[in-house]
């Protein structure tokens, strides 16, 4: 079975409750797909702490995994 990667973009104003529910229904045991979740914290605090480095890392992951 192929493995799929899901890039998860978390941060300020992302609708955390909706994101958590989406991740819950995407659990591999429920949908029988081999998924790997790669999370990125795009909150203002983390963007400042990384001098926006996390934004570039997330963009690279999106380019890599689609």
C-alpha atoms as a PDB file:
ATOM      1  CA  UNK A   1       0.000   0.000   0.000  1.00  0.00           C
ATOM      2  CA  UNK A   2       1.435   3.444  -0.878  1.00  0.00           C
ATOM      3  CA  UNK A   3       2.155   5.921   1.890  1.00  0.00           C
ATOM      4  CA  UNK A   4       0.757   9.432   1.649  1.00  0.00           C
ATOM      5  CA  UNK A   5       2.016  12.547   3.403  1.00  0.00           C
ATOM      6  CA  UNK A   6      -0.368  15.212   4.678  1.00  0.00           C
ATOM      7  CA  UNK A   7       1.091  18.622   5.508  1.00  0.00           C
ATOM      8  CA  UNK A   8      -0.808  20.105   8.468  1.00  0.00           C
ATOM      9  CA  UNK A   9      -0.705  23.895   8.750  1.00  0.00           C
ATOM     10  CA  UNK A  10      -1.640  25.019  12.241  1.00  0.00           C
ATOM     11  CA  UNK A  11      -1.616  28.558  13.506  1.00  0.00           C
ATOM     12  CA  UNK A  12      -3.564  31.592  14.545  1.00  0.00           C
ATOM     13  CA  UNK A  13      -7.093  31.785  13.154  1.00  0.00           C
ATOM     14  CA  UNK A  14      -6.954  28.382  11.435  1.00  0.00           C
ATOM     15  CA  UNK A  15     -10.116  26.994  13.003  1.00  0.00           C
ATOM     16  CA  UNK A  16      -8.417  24.658  15.470  1.00  0.00           C
ATOM     17  CA  UNK A  17     -11.602  22.713  16.261  1.00  0.00           C
ATOM     18  CA  UNK A  18     -12.247  22.018  12.579  1.00  0.00           C
ATOM     19  CA  UNK A  19      -8.617  21.025  12.031  1.00  0.00           C
ATOM     20  CA  UNK A  20      -8.700  18.576  14.937  1.00  0.00           C
ATOM     21  CA  UNK A  21     -11.891  16.974  13.617  1.00  0.00           C
ATOM     22  CA  UNK A  22     -10.429  16.710  10.116  1.00  0.00           C
ATOM     23  CA  UNK A  23      -7.346  14.986  11.513  1.00  0.00           C
ATOM     24  CA  UNK A  24      -9.544  12.695  13.579  1.00  0.00           C
ATOM     25  CA  UNK A  25     -11.460  11.431  10.551  1.00  0.00           C
ATOM     26  CA  UNK A  26      -8.212  10.990   8.613  1.00  0.00           C
ATOM     27  CA  UNK A  27      -6.797   8.523  11.125  1.00  0.00           C
ATOM     28  CA  UNK A  28      -5.268   5.626   9.169  1.00  0.00           C
ATOM     29  CA  UNK A  29      -7.203   3.085  11.229  1.00  0.00           C
ATOM     30  CA  UNK A  30     -10.486   4.649  10.042  1.00  0.00           C
ATOM     31  CA  UNK A  31      -9.770   5.166   6.358  1.00  0.00           C
ATOM     32  CA  UNK A  32      -7.306   2.308   5.859  1.00  0.00           C
ATOM     33  CA  UNK A  33      -4.678   4.437   4.170  1.00  0.00           C
ATOM     34  CA  UNK A  34      -1.073   4.777   5.238  1.00  0.00           C
ATOM     35  CA  UNK A  35      -0.822   8.470   6.111  1.00  0.00           C
ATOM     36  CA  UNK A  36       2.064  10.426   7.555  1.00  0.00           C
ATOM     37  CA  UNK A  37       1.187  13.812   9.082  1.00  0.00           C
ATOM     38  CA  UNK A  38       3.811  16.581   8.983  1.00  0.00           C
ATOM     39  CA  UNK A  39       2.715  19.463  11.225  1.00  0.00           C
ATOM     40  CA  UNK A  40       3.850  23.078  10.966  1.00  0.00           C
ATOM     41  CA  UNK A  41       3.110  25.692  13.633  1.00  0.00           C
ATOM     42  CA  UNK A  42       2.432  28.877  11.694  1.00  0.00           C
ATOM     43  CA  UNK A  43       1.322  30.893  14.712  1.00  0.00           C
ATOM     44  CA  UNK A  44       2.574  34.454  14.931  1.00  0.00           C
ATOM     45  CA  UNK A  45       4.664  33.526  17.954  1.00  0.00           C
ATOM     46  CA  UNK A  46       6.448  30.716  16.088  1.00  0.00           C
ATOM     47  CA  UNK A  47       6.883  32.767  12.918  1.00  0.00           C
ATOM     48  CA  UNK A  48       8.565  35.455  14.999  1.00  0.00           C
ATOM     49  CA  UNK A  49      10.683  32.911  16.883  1.00  0.00           C
ATOM     50  CA  UNK A  50      11.924  31.364  13.635  1.00  0.00           C
ATOM     51  CA  UNK A  51      12.144  34.678  11.768  1.00  0.00           C
ATOM     52  CA  UNK A  52       9.600  33.235   9.323  1.00  0.00           C
ATOM     53  CA  UNK A  53      11.780  30.180   8.734  1.00  0.00           C
ATOM     54  CA  UNK A  54       8.811  27.937   9.499  1.00  0.00           C
ATOM     55  CA  UNK A  55       6.905  29.532   6.608  1.00  0.00           C
ATOM     56  CA  UNK A  56       9.643  28.561   4.168  1.00  0.00           C
ATOM     57  CA  UNK A  57       9.828  25.054   5.644  1.00  0.00           C
ATOM     58  CA  UNK A  58       6.069  24.632   5.275  1.00  0.00           C
ATOM     59  CA  UNK A  59       6.173  25.927   1.696  1.00  0.00           C
ATOM     60  CA  UNK A  60       8.951  23.471   0.853  1.00  0.00           C
ATOM     61  CA  UNK A  61       6.921  20.614   2.336  1.00  0.00           C
ATOM     62  CA  UNK A  62       3.858  21.646   0.325  1.00  0.00           C
ATOM     63  CA  UNK A  63       5.964  21.693  -2.836  1.00  0.00           C
ATOM     64  CA  UNK A  64       7.463  18.316  -2.001  1.00  0.00           C
ATOM     65  CA  UNK A  65       4.281  16.508  -1.037  1.00  0.00           C
ATOM     66  CA  UNK A  66       1.706  18.393  -3.097  1.00  0.00           C
END
